[in-house]
Amino acid sequence: MTEQATTERAAAPPTEGVPVASRRPRFRWRRLVPRLRSTRTRILVAYILLLATSLLVAGFAARTVLVEGIREGVETDLTQEVEELQRLVGGNDPSTGLPFAGDLRAIFDTFFERNATAEDEALYAFVAGDPYLTSASPPAQLTADPAFVREVRGLTEPRRGHLESSAGPVEYLAVPVVGTDPATQQPSIQGVFVVAEFTEDRLARVDTTMGRIGLALLALLAVVSVAAYVVAGRLLAPLRRAVETARAIHENDLSARMPVSGSDEIAELGQTFNEMLDRVERALASQRDFVSDAGHELRTPITIVRGHLEVMTDDPADREETVALVLDELDRMARLVHDLLLLSRSERPDFIDHRTVAVQTLLPDVFAKVSALADREWVYDGAVPSDLEADPQRLTQALTQLAQNAVQHTTPGQVIALGASRDGDHVHIWVRDEGEGVAEVDRDRIFERFARATAQPRRSDGHGLGLAIVMAVVEGHGGQVRLDSEVGRGSTFRLVLPAKRSGRARGRAEHDRGDRA
């Protein structure tokens, strides 16, 4: 019985701890958090905050304008009533056609009889310091307020005031009225006229109007927010496609590209993204080819060295010959590794150290160095005086490679020439020879790594990196290499270099130096 109960308890699913019903909301919340942090949501929130702030400011400004309009209306109404009374004081009694002659009670009686007040307006008359008349159905009986009566009953000059009543806030204007003193029969201040405007209803109408406008604006904000969410999704769709494209890319397949349409910043981003993928694809392909070719080039001397060492005998002559061959192959490997390192550094931003170079000074120094390479008819074509923003060591290296290449494809007595000229914003530096020339089919591929001309016999022990180094140096300067060649008559390799770097290239170089610092 105990074992069965234990088995049943063990078989029952665990229900203690976190309830099952609470796991799903937590899972949904975890899925919701990334969406809340998305760019689309942040743009929407920023847009809603900006729009809501603008609407609040606009609503506050609108209410301020409406309230100010009420205040201006109150001032107009107060002044209008006082002006009407003043005209009546200086006029005639309508019932007799005769002047009032300072009879203040007659003036107030006539004015109150002939004047109809609005629902939120009240008129009060004081004679000899006591309340005399009140307009019909005032919103509040201010004469029942002792403080108000004390404030206005003995006025000798106009007073503009504000008070709180049972009917809400009141704006009033009290003016003294001149009448005839019964004792002296002389004109003097005998009474006070008060115009009161009750603004509670007007302000309430403003608040009601603003409330309705606020509800309408909230509805508008909701509609616009939904529209903004949809529009933001469409605008950011290229970014999502870029993310999907990036996720679909791996080392063995770089063919995926982001679709681009339009000419806005997003389209420019997509185009730049695709261009980056093109560069990455070319770089990886070049890396694979580079590793493959380097492995092949290094494998050959290693095989030669190993083979000769394996068959080497104890004979001194054989040993000396084998050692000489091994050293020669090791030197060849060292040159190959040096060139490979040079080409790998050509991809770095600090490969070229720009400075101002006088071409008419650089070329003679290079000519003096290369003219000792071999027994050729070396000719200096001259150099037009010109300054060039370049790396003199790299240029010397490139020109030396071209001279060595010319030596390998010429025979003693043939001409090899070096010169330079200026063409607008560019400097042309050339190495020409009267050698065997380059066939049309080889003119592009000879600048590739480990590439050699196929249409003429191999006349050197080079490993096919010389012209690739030349190309890397020239491209590092923002220039290009032009080849003019005719089989059997010679070749001219022309380096076309910008005399001055562009502002963009200079800024990028300075930025790279700053990063390295």
Protein backbone atom coordinates (compact mmCIF):
# COMPACT_ATOMS: atom_id res chain seq x y z
CA MET A 1 0.00 0.00 0.00
CA THR A 2 2.83 2.40 0.87
CA GLU A 3 4.78 1.56 -2.29
CA GLN A 4 1.67 2.14 -4.47
CA ALA A 5 1.00 5.52 -2.86
CA THR A 6 4.64 6.47 -3.32
CA THR A 7 4.48 5.45 -6.98
CA GLU A 8 1.34 7.47 -7.57
CA ARG A 9 2.88 10.53 -5.96
CA ALA A 10 6.00 10.14 -8.03
CA ALA A 11 3.98 9.79 -11.21
CA ALA A 12 1.91 12.90 -10.52
CA PRO A 13 3.24 16.03 -12.21
CA PRO A 14 4.77 18.57 -9.86
CA THR A 15 2.32 21.36 -9.23
CA GLU A 16 4.08 23.13 -6.38
CA GLY A 17 6.27 26.14 -6.97
CA VAL A 18 5.43 28.42 -9.88
CA PRO A 19 1.84 27.81 -11.04
CA VAL A 20 1.45 26.51 -14.57
CA ALA A 21 -0.94 29.33 -15.46
CA SER A 22 1.71 31.94 -14.63
CA ARG A 23 4.35 30.57 -17.03
CA ARG A 24 2.64 31.65 -20.26
CA PRO A 25 2.32 35.35 -19.39
CA ARG A 26 5.97 35.36 -18.33
CA PHE A 27 6.94 33.79 -21.65
CA ARG A 28 4.89 36.32 -23.54
CA TRP A 29 6.48 39.11 -21.59
CA ARG A 30 9.94 37.84 -22.49
CA ARG A 31 8.96 37.90 -26.14
CA LEU A 32 7.48 41.36 -25.75
CA VAL A 33 10.57 42.98 -24.21
CA PRO A 34 12.70 42.86 -27.41
CA ARG A 35 9.86 44.44 -29.35
CA LEU A 36 9.61 47.25 -26.83
CA ARG A 37 13.33 47.86 -27.27
CA SER A 38 13.17 47.83 -31.07
CA THR A 39 14.01 50.85 -33.18
CA ARG A 40 10.47 50.89 -34.52
CA THR A 41 9.04 51.17 -31.01
CA ARG A 42 11.55 53.83 -29.98
CA ILE A 43 10.72 55.89 -33.05
CA LEU A 44 7.01 55.50 -32.33
CA VAL A 45 7.44 56.47 -28.67
CA ALA A 46 9.54 59.49 -29.61
CA TYR A 47 6.98 60.51 -32.22
CA ILE A 48 4.08 60.11 -29.78
CA LEU A 49 5.90 62.08 -27.10
CA LEU A 50 6.73 64.84 -29.55
CA LEU A 51 3.20 64.95 -30.93
CA ALA A 52 1.60 64.77 -27.48
CA THR A 53 3.86 67.54 -26.22
CA SER A 54 2.99 69.66 -29.24
CA LEU A 55 -0.72 69.06 -28.71
CA LEU A 56 -0.45 69.90 -25.01
CA VAL A 57 1.40 73.11 -25.77
CA ALA A 58 -1.12 73.96 -28.49
CA GLY A 59 -4.02 73.18 -26.12
CA PHE A 60 -2.52 75.29 -23.36
CA ALA A 61 -1.95 78.14 -25.82
CA ALA A 62 -5.52 77.83 -27.14
CA ARG A 63 -6.98 77.92 -23.62
CA THR A 64 -4.81 80.90 -22.79
CA VAL A 65 -6.10 82.72 -25.87
CA LEU A 66 -9.71 81.89 -25.00
CA VAL A 67 -9.32 83.00 -21.38
CA GLU A 68 -7.62 86.17 -22.52
CA GLY A 69 -10.54 86.75 -24.86
CA ILE A 70 -12.92 86.40 -21.90
CA ARG A 71 -10.91 88.93 -19.93
CA GLU A 72 -10.94 91.37 -22.82
CA GLY A 73 -14.70 90.88 -23.16
CA VAL A 74 -15.16 91.53 -19.45
CA GLU A 75 -13.14 94.73 -19.67
CA THR A 76 -15.21 95.85 -22.65
CA ASP A 77 -18.50 95.13 -20.85
CA LEU A 78 -17.39 96.94 -17.69
CA THR A 79 -16.25 100.00 -19.59
CA GLN A 80 -19.36 100.03 -21.77
CA GLU A 81 -21.76 100.14 -18.80
CA VAL A 82 -19.82 102.95 -17.14
CA GLU A 83 -19.74 104.97 -20.36
CA GLU A 84 -23.51 104.55 -20.79
CA LEU A 85 -24.08 105.85 -17.25
CA GLN A 86 -21.77 108.81 -17.85
CA ARG A 87 -23.69 109.76 -20.99
CA LEU A 88 -26.95 109.56 -19.07
CA VAL A 89 -25.58 111.80 -16.26
CA GLY A 90 -24.74 114.51 -18.76
CA GLY A 91 -28.03 114.14 -20.64
CA ASN A 92 -31.73 114.82 -20.06
CA ASP A 93 -34.39 112.92 -18.20
CA PRO A 94 -36.34 111.00 -20.89
CA SER A 95 -39.58 111.39 -18.95
CA THR A 96 -39.42 115.21 -18.68
CA GLY A 97 -36.96 116.19 -21.35
CA LEU A 98 -35.13 118.34 -18.78
CA PRO A 99 -31.61 117.88 -17.38
CA PHE A 100 -31.26 115.68 -14.32
CA ALA A 101 -29.65 118.62 -12.50
CA GLY A 102 -27.60 116.32 -10.28
CA ASP A 103 -30.56 114.26 -9.07
CA LEU A 104 -28.57 111.05 -8.52
CA ARG A 105 -31.57 108.89 -7.58
CA ALA A 106 -33.41 109.92 -10.74
CA ILE A 107 -30.32 109.10 -12.78
CA PHE A 108 -29.98 105.62 -11.25
CA ASP A 109 -33.74 104.95 -11.54
CA THR A 110 -33.74 105.83 -15.22
CA PHE A 111 -30.55 103.88 -15.98
CA PHE A 112 -31.64 100.69 -14.20
CA GLU A 113 -35.09 100.84 -15.84
CA ARG A 114 -33.69 101.23 -19.33
CA ASN A 115 -30.74 98.81 -19.03
CA ALA A 116 -31.14 95.05 -19.41
CA THR A 117 -28.24 93.07 -18.00
CA ALA A 118 -26.90 89.71 -19.17
CA GLU A 119 -27.23 86.55 -17.08
CA ASP A 120 -23.66 86.77 -15.85
CA GLU A 121 -23.75 90.53 -15.21
CA ALA A 122 -25.02 92.66 -12.30
CA LEU A 123 -25.31 96.40 -11.61
CA TYR A 124 -25.22 98.02 -8.16
CA ALA A 125 -25.92 101.63 -7.15
CA PHE A 126 -24.93 103.29 -3.89
CA VAL A 127 -26.29 106.67 -2.76
CA ALA A 128 -24.88 108.46 0.27
CA GLY A 129 -22.89 105.32 1.16
CA ASP A 130 -25.89 102.98 1.23
CA PRO A 131 -27.03 100.39 -1.33
CA TYR A 132 -29.73 101.96 -3.44
CA LEU A 133 -30.47 99.72 -6.45
CA THR A 134 -29.52 96.29 -7.75
CA SER A 135 -30.19 94.95 -11.24
CA ALA A 136 -32.78 92.24 -11.61
CA SER A 137 -31.78 88.63 -10.82
CA PRO A 138 -28.07 89.06 -10.19
CA PRO A 139 -26.02 85.81 -10.02
CA ALA A 140 -25.04 86.82 -6.47
CA GLN A 141 -26.13 89.63 -4.17
CA LEU A 142 -22.83 91.40 -3.54
CA THR A 143 -24.48 94.09 -1.38
CA ALA A 144 -24.98 91.38 1.23
CA ASP A 145 -21.22 91.10 1.55
CA PRO A 146 -20.11 93.64 4.19
CA ALA A 147 -16.51 93.57 2.98
CA PHE A 148 -17.56 94.44 -0.54
CA VAL A 149 -19.86 97.24 0.69
CA ARG A 150 -17.06 98.72 2.80
CA GLU A 151 -14.73 98.49 -0.18
CA VAL A 152 -16.86 100.50 -2.60
CA ARG A 153 -19.31 102.71 -0.64
CA GLY A 154 -16.96 105.62 -0.02
CA LEU A 155 -14.92 105.59 -3.25
CA THR A 156 -13.62 108.90 -4.54
CA GLU A 157 -11.92 107.46 -7.63
CA PRO A 158 -12.56 104.49 -9.96
CA ARG A 159 -11.49 101.06 -8.73
CA ARG A 160 -11.00 97.84 -10.70
CA GLY A 161 -11.26 94.76 -8.51
CA HIS A 162 -11.71 91.00 -8.19
CA LEU A 163 -13.48 88.95 -5.55
CA GLU A 164 -14.90 85.49 -4.92
CA SER A 165 -18.64 85.12 -4.44
CA SER A 166 -21.20 82.37 -4.04
CA ALA A 167 -21.58 82.49 -7.84
CA GLY A 168 -17.88 82.18 -8.50
CA PRO A 169 -15.19 84.71 -9.38
CA VAL A 170 -16.29 88.29 -10.01
CA GLU A 171 -14.59 91.07 -11.92
CA TYR A 172 -15.97 94.49 -11.08
CA LEU A 173 -15.48 98.17 -11.85
CA ALA A 174 -16.69 100.75 -9.31
CA VAL A 175 -16.81 104.47 -10.20
CA PRO A 176 -17.91 107.45 -8.08
CA VAL A 177 -20.87 109.44 -9.45
CA VAL A 178 -21.23 113.20 -9.01
CA GLY A 179 -24.61 114.58 -7.90
CA THR A 180 -26.04 117.65 -6.17
CA ASP A 181 -25.45 117.90 -2.46
CA PRO A 182 -28.96 118.48 -0.91
CA ALA A 183 -27.48 120.64 1.85
CA THR A 184 -25.24 122.92 -0.20
CA GLN A 185 -26.81 122.44 -3.62
CA GLN A 186 -23.23 122.06 -4.93
CA PRO A 187 -22.00 119.23 -7.16
CA SER A 188 -20.06 116.56 -5.26
CA ILE A 189 -19.62 112.80 -5.13
CA GLN A 190 -22.93 111.51 -3.90
CA GLY A 191 -22.90 107.89 -5.02
CA VAL A 192 -21.06 104.91 -6.48
CA PHE A 193 -21.92 102.84 -9.53
CA VAL A 194 -20.67 99.23 -9.68
CA VAL A 195 -20.62 96.93 -12.71
CA ALA A 196 -19.92 93.25 -11.88
CA GLU A 197 -19.12 90.48 -14.37
CA PHE A 198 -19.42 86.85 -13.16
CA THR A 199 -16.91 84.77 -15.16
CA GLU A 200 -17.54 81.26 -13.81
CA ASP A 201 -19.91 80.23 -16.61
CA ARG A 202 -17.65 81.67 -19.28
CA LEU A 203 -14.61 79.87 -17.89
CA ALA A 204 -16.67 76.69 -17.55
CA ARG A 205 -17.62 76.93 -21.23
CA VAL A 206 -13.94 77.30 -22.09
CA ASP A 207 -13.08 74.22 -20.01
CA THR A 208 -15.91 72.26 -21.64
CA THR A 209 -14.72 73.28 -25.09
CA MET A 210 -11.12 72.39 -24.26
CA GLY A 211 -12.26 69.04 -22.86
CA ARG A 212 -14.02 68.20 -26.11
CA ILE A 213 -11.04 69.36 -28.09
CA GLY A 214 -8.81 67.24 -25.84
CA LEU A 215 -10.89 64.13 -26.49
CA ALA A 216 -10.77 64.81 -30.22
CA LEU A 217 -7.00 65.28 -30.04
CA LEU A 218 -6.61 62.04 -28.07
CA ALA A 219 -8.54 60.21 -30.76
CA LEU A 220 -6.40 61.92 -33.38
CA LEU A 221 -3.26 60.97 -31.47
CA ALA A 222 -4.36 57.33 -31.37
CA VAL A 223 -5.10 57.26 -35.10
CA VAL A 224 -1.87 59.05 -35.97
CA SER A 225 0.11 56.72 -33.68
CA VAL A 226 -1.25 53.67 -35.45
CA ALA A 227 -0.46 55.25 -38.80
CA ALA A 228 3.02 56.19 -37.56
CA TYR A 229 3.61 52.62 -36.38
CA VAL A 230 2.70 51.30 -39.82
CA VAL A 231 4.77 53.92 -41.63
CA ALA A 232 7.76 53.32 -39.33
CA GLY A 233 7.50 49.61 -40.07
CA ARG A 234 7.57 50.27 -43.80
CA LEU A 235 10.45 52.72 -43.51
CA LEU A 236 12.46 50.28 -41.39
CA ALA A 237 11.64 47.28 -43.59
CA PRO A 238 14.97 47.66 -45.47
CA LEU A 239 16.79 47.44 -42.15
CA ARG A 240 14.97 44.23 -41.29
CA ARG A 241 15.86 42.88 -44.71
CA ALA A 242 19.47 43.86 -44.03
CA VAL A 243 19.38 41.93 -40.75
CA GLU A 244 17.83 38.92 -42.49
CA THR A 245 20.43 39.15 -45.24
CA ALA A 246 23.25 39.36 -42.69
CA ARG A 247 21.89 36.31 -40.87
CA ALA A 248 21.67 34.39 -44.13
CA ILE A 249 25.32 35.06 -44.92
CA HIS A 250 28.02 32.62 -43.95
CA GLU A 251 31.56 32.01 -45.07
CA ASN A 252 30.69 29.57 -47.84
CA ASP A 253 27.85 31.65 -49.31
CA LEU A 254 28.15 35.43 -49.59
CA SER A 255 25.80 35.77 -52.55
CA ALA A 256 22.82 37.17 -50.58
CA ARG A 257 22.13 40.86 -51.22
CA MET A 258 19.67 43.37 -49.83
CA PRO A 259 17.04 44.58 -52.33
CA VAL A 260 17.37 48.33 -52.93
CA SER A 261 14.71 50.68 -54.26
CA GLY A 262 14.41 54.45 -54.24
CA SER A 263 17.07 57.07 -53.62
CA ASP A 264 16.65 58.02 -49.96
CA GLU A 265 18.98 57.41 -47.01
CA ILE A 266 17.62 53.89 -46.46
CA ALA A 267 18.30 53.04 -50.10
CA GLU A 268 21.79 54.48 -49.71
CA LEU A 269 22.28 52.30 -46.63
CA GLY A 270 21.17 49.24 -48.58
CA GLN A 271 23.50 50.09 -51.46
CA THR A 272 26.39 50.62 -49.06
CA PHE A 273 25.54 47.35 -47.30
CA ASN A 274 25.61 45.48 -50.62
CA GLU A 275 28.89 47.14 -51.59
CA MET A 276 30.32 46.05 -48.25
CA LEU A 277 29.23 42.48 -48.97
CA ASP A 278 30.88 42.72 -52.39
CA ARG A 279 34.12 43.79 -50.75
CA VAL A 280 33.87 41.07 -48.11
CA GLU A 281 33.18 38.46 -50.79
CA ARG A 282 36.14 39.63 -52.85
CA ALA A 283 38.35 39.77 -49.76
CA LEU A 284 37.47 36.23 -48.70
CA ALA A 285 37.93 34.96 -52.25
CA SER A 286 41.26 36.75 -52.43
CA GLN A 287 42.21 35.32 -49.05
CA ARG A 288 41.37 31.79 -50.14
CA ASP A 289 43.31 32.22 -53.38
CA PHE A 290 46.15 33.86 -51.49
CA VAL A 291 46.42 31.02 -48.97
CA SER A 292 46.15 28.42 -51.70
CA ASP A 293 48.78 30.05 -53.92
CA ALA A 294 51.08 30.78 -50.98
CA GLY A 295 50.82 27.18 -49.86
CA HIS A 296 51.68 26.01 -53.36
CA GLU A 297 54.62 28.39 -53.70
CA LEU A 298 56.01 27.44 -50.28
CA ARG A 299 55.44 23.74 -50.80
CA THR A 300 57.74 23.63 -53.84
CA PRO A 301 60.97 24.82 -52.14
CA ILE A 302 60.18 22.74 -49.06
CA THR A 303 59.84 19.65 -51.27
CA ILE A 304 63.10 20.47 -53.04
CA VAL A 305 64.96 20.98 -49.76
CA ARG A 306 63.56 17.81 -48.25
CA GLY A 307 64.33 15.73 -51.33
CA HIS A 308 67.93 16.84 -51.53
CA LEU A 309 68.48 16.37 -47.82
CA GLU A 310 67.08 12.84 -47.99
CA VAL A 311 69.45 11.79 -50.80
CA MET A 312 72.48 13.71 -49.54
CA THR A 313 75.52 11.46 -49.04
CA ASP A 314 78.60 11.84 -46.86
CA ASP A 315 80.64 12.99 -49.84
CA PRO A 316 81.95 16.51 -49.08
CA ALA A 317 81.31 17.74 -52.60
CA ASP A 318 77.76 16.40 -52.57
CA ARG A 319 77.17 17.88 -49.12
CA GLU A 320 78.49 21.29 -50.21
CA GLU A 321 76.31 21.27 -53.31
CA THR A 322 73.24 20.27 -51.27
CA VAL A 323 73.85 22.96 -48.65
CA ALA A 324 74.21 25.61 -51.37
CA LEU A 325 70.95 24.49 -52.97
CA VAL A 326 69.16 24.45 -49.59
CA LEU A 327 70.39 27.94 -48.76
CA ASP A 328 69.26 29.19 -52.16
CA GLU A 329 65.80 27.74 -51.67
CA LEU A 330 65.61 29.17 -48.14
CA ASP A 331 66.56 32.59 -49.50
CA ARG A 332 63.81 32.22 -52.07
CA MET A 333 61.35 31.31 -49.33
CA ALA A 334 62.50 34.31 -47.26
CA ARG A 335 61.89 36.64 -50.23
CA LEU A 336 58.48 35.08 -50.74
CA VAL A 337 57.53 35.49 -47.07
CA HIS A 338 58.78 39.09 -47.13
CA ASP A 339 56.64 39.88 -50.16
CA LEU A 340 53.64 38.13 -48.65
CA LEU A 341 53.98 40.19 -45.47
CA LEU A 342 54.29 43.33 -47.57
CA LEU A 343 51.10 42.52 -49.47
CA SER A 344 49.26 41.73 -46.24
CA ARG A 345 50.32 45.11 -44.80
CA SER A 346 49.04 46.84 -47.93
CA GLU A 347 45.50 46.33 -46.63
CA ARG A 348 46.24 48.40 -43.53
CA PRO A 349 45.45 52.14 -43.42
CA ASP A 350 49.03 53.00 -42.37
CA PHE A 351 50.61 51.20 -45.33
CA ILE A 352 51.24 54.55 -47.05
CA ASP A 353 52.93 57.33 -45.06
CA HIS A 354 52.12 60.45 -47.08
CA ARG A 355 54.49 63.38 -47.17
CA THR A 356 55.46 66.04 -49.69
CA VAL A 357 57.91 64.60 -52.22
CA ALA A 358 59.79 66.52 -54.92
CA VAL A 359 59.57 64.29 -57.99
CA GLN A 360 62.63 65.91 -59.61
CA THR A 361 64.62 64.82 -56.53
CA LEU A 362 63.13 61.34 -56.04
CA LEU A 363 63.53 60.10 -59.63
CA PRO A 364 67.31 60.63 -59.93
CA ASP A 365 67.86 58.75 -56.64
CA VAL A 366 65.75 55.83 -57.86
CA PHE A 367 67.50 55.87 -61.25
CA ALA A 368 70.90 55.70 -59.55
CA LYS A 369 69.81 52.61 -57.61
CA VAL A 370 68.12 50.64 -60.39
CA SER A 371 70.78 51.34 -63.04
CA ALA A 372 73.08 48.98 -61.16
CA LEU A 373 70.67 46.04 -61.37
CA ALA A 374 71.93 44.65 -64.70
CA ASP A 375 73.85 45.39 -67.86
CA ARG A 376 71.23 47.38 -69.76
CA GLU A 377 71.18 50.70 -71.56
CA TRP A 378 69.68 52.80 -68.78
CA VAL A 379 68.08 56.06 -69.90
CA TYR A 380 66.78 58.89 -67.70
CA ASP A 381 63.87 60.59 -69.46
CA GLY A 382 63.87 63.45 -66.96
CA ALA A 383 61.28 64.67 -64.48
CA VAL A 384 59.22 67.85 -64.62
CA PRO A 385 59.59 69.75 -61.30
CA SER A 386 56.52 68.90 -59.29
CA ASP A 387 55.51 68.17 -55.72
CA LEU A 388 53.67 64.97 -54.89
CA GLU A 389 51.93 63.84 -51.69
CA ALA A 390 53.26 60.28 -51.50
CA ASP A 391 55.33 57.77 -49.56
CA PRO A 392 58.87 57.99 -51.03
CA GLN A 393 59.93 54.58 -49.70
CA ARG A 394 56.89 52.81 -51.17
CA LEU A 395 57.31 54.61 -54.50
CA THR A 396 60.97 53.63 -54.59
CA GLN A 397 59.96 50.05 -53.86
CA ALA A 398 57.36 50.02 -56.66
CA LEU A 399 59.72 51.59 -59.22
CA THR A 400 62.46 49.13 -58.24
CA GLN A 401 60.04 46.23 -58.80
CA LEU A 402 59.18 47.61 -62.25
CA ALA A 403 62.87 47.99 -63.06
CA GLN A 404 63.57 44.40 -61.95
CA ASN A 405 60.64 43.24 -64.05
CA ALA A 406 62.07 45.12 -67.04
CA VAL A 407 65.49 43.55 -66.46
CA GLN A 408 63.94 40.06 -66.45
CA HIS A 409 62.30 40.65 -69.83
CA THR A 410 65.14 42.40 -71.65
CA THR A 411 68.63 41.43 -72.78
CA PRO A 412 71.95 43.23 -72.35
CA GLY A 413 72.11 46.37 -74.44
CA GLN A 414 68.36 46.94 -74.57
CA VAL A 415 66.94 50.22 -73.27
CA ILE A 416 65.26 50.61 -69.88
CA ALA A 417 64.13 54.19 -69.16
CA LEU A 418 62.73 56.04 -66.16
CA GLY A 419 60.93 59.40 -66.21
CA ALA A 420 58.09 61.56 -64.89
CA SER A 421 55.73 64.30 -66.06
CA ARG A 422 52.79 66.37 -64.78
CA ASP A 423 49.30 66.15 -66.30
CA GLY A 424 46.85 68.46 -64.53
CA ASP A 425 46.26 67.20 -61.00
CA HIS A 426 48.19 63.98 -61.57
CA VAL A 427 51.84 62.99 -61.77
CA HIS A 428 52.87 60.30 -64.28
CA ILE A 429 55.94 58.18 -63.50
CA TRP A 430 56.93 55.51 -65.99
CA VAL A 431 59.37 52.67 -66.56
CA ARG A 432 59.72 51.68 -70.22
CA ASP A 433 61.79 49.01 -71.88
CA GLU A 434 62.50 47.53 -75.30
CA GLY A 435 61.99 43.96 -74.16
CA GLU A 436 59.69 41.21 -75.31
CA GLY A 437 56.44 42.99 -74.35
CA VAL A 438 53.24 41.61 -72.81
CA ALA A 439 50.60 39.77 -74.79
CA GLU A 440 47.05 41.11 -74.80
CA VAL A 441 45.73 38.10 -72.87
CA ASP A 442 48.21 38.68 -70.03
CA ARG A 443 47.90 42.44 -69.49
CA ASP A 444 45.34 42.17 -66.71
CA ARG A 445 46.35 38.97 -64.98
CA ILE A 446 50.05 39.82 -64.53
CA PHE A 447 49.04 42.22 -61.73
CA GLU A 448 47.42 39.40 -59.77
CA ARG A 449 49.27 37.59 -57.00
CA PHE A 450 51.43 34.66 -58.13
CA ALA A 451 50.45 35.37 -61.74
CA ARG A 452 52.96 35.20 -64.57
CA ALA A 453 52.68 35.89 -68.25
CA THR A 454 51.66 32.78 -70.15
CA ALA A 455 52.40 33.93 -73.68
CA GLN A 456 56.18 34.25 -73.25
CA PRO A 457 58.80 31.98 -71.73
CA ARG A 458 59.57 32.23 -68.07
CA ARG A 459 62.88 33.96 -67.86
CA SER A 460 63.20 34.59 -64.13
CA ASP A 461 62.99 32.80 -60.83
CA GLY A 462 60.44 35.29 -59.48
CA HIS A 463 57.34 34.09 -57.69
CA GLY A 464 54.82 36.40 -59.34
CA LEU A 465 54.34 38.97 -56.59
CA GLY A 466 56.34 41.92 -57.95
CA LEU A 467 53.63 43.54 -60.05
CA ALA A 468 51.04 42.78 -57.36
CA ILE A 469 53.19 44.80 -54.95
CA VAL A 470 53.38 47.63 -57.49
CA MET A 471 49.60 47.62 -57.83
CA ALA A 472 49.14 47.64 -54.04
CA VAL A 473 51.48 50.62 -53.64
CA VAL A 474 49.80 52.63 -56.40
CA GLU A 475 46.28 51.87 -55.17
CA GLY A 476 47.40 52.86 -51.67
CA HIS A 477 48.21 56.27 -53.14
CA GLY A 478 44.79 56.47 -54.79
CA GLY A 479 46.29 56.05 -58.27
CA GLN A 480 46.32 53.50 -61.05
CA VAL A 481 48.78 51.56 -63.22
CA ARG A 482 48.57 51.80 -67.00
CA LEU A 483 50.32 49.36 -69.29
CA ASP A 484 51.18 50.10 -72.92
CA SER A 485 52.86 47.12 -74.53
CA GLU A 486 53.56 45.57 -77.89
CA VAL A 487 54.92 42.05 -78.20
CA GLY A 488 58.48 42.12 -79.48
CA ARG A 489 58.88 45.91 -79.06
CA GLY A 490 58.67 46.50 -75.32
CA SER A 491 56.40 47.80 -72.58
CA THR A 492 55.71 51.00 -70.65
CA PHE A 493 54.39 50.76 -67.10
CA ARG A 494 52.96 54.15 -66.13
CA LEU A 495 52.05 55.07 -62.54
CA VAL A 496 49.30 57.73 -62.50
CA LEU A 497 49.24 59.32 -59.04
CA PRO A 498 47.18 62.25 -57.68
CA ALA A 499 49.45 65.16 -56.84
CA LYS A 500 47.39 65.91 -53.74
CA ARG A 501 45.18 63.70 -51.63
CA SER A 502 41.49 64.48 -51.48
CA GLY A 503 40.15 66.00 -48.26
CA ARG A 504 38.18 62.82 -47.59
CA ALA A 505 41.27 60.61 -47.92
CA ARG A 506 43.31 62.96 -45.72
CA GLY A 507 40.61 63.01 -43.04
CA ARG A 508 40.30 59.23 -43.09
CA ALA A 509 44.06 58.85 -42.71
CA GLU A 510 44.18 61.28 -39.78
CA HIS A 511 41.27 59.44 -38.17
CA ASP A 512 43.11 56.13 -38.55
CA ARG A 513 46.24 57.63 -36.98
CA GLY A 514 44.15 58.90 -34.08
CA ASP A 515 42.65 55.45 -33.56
CA ARG A 516 46.10 53.87 -33.52
CA ALA A 517 47.38 56.51 -31.09
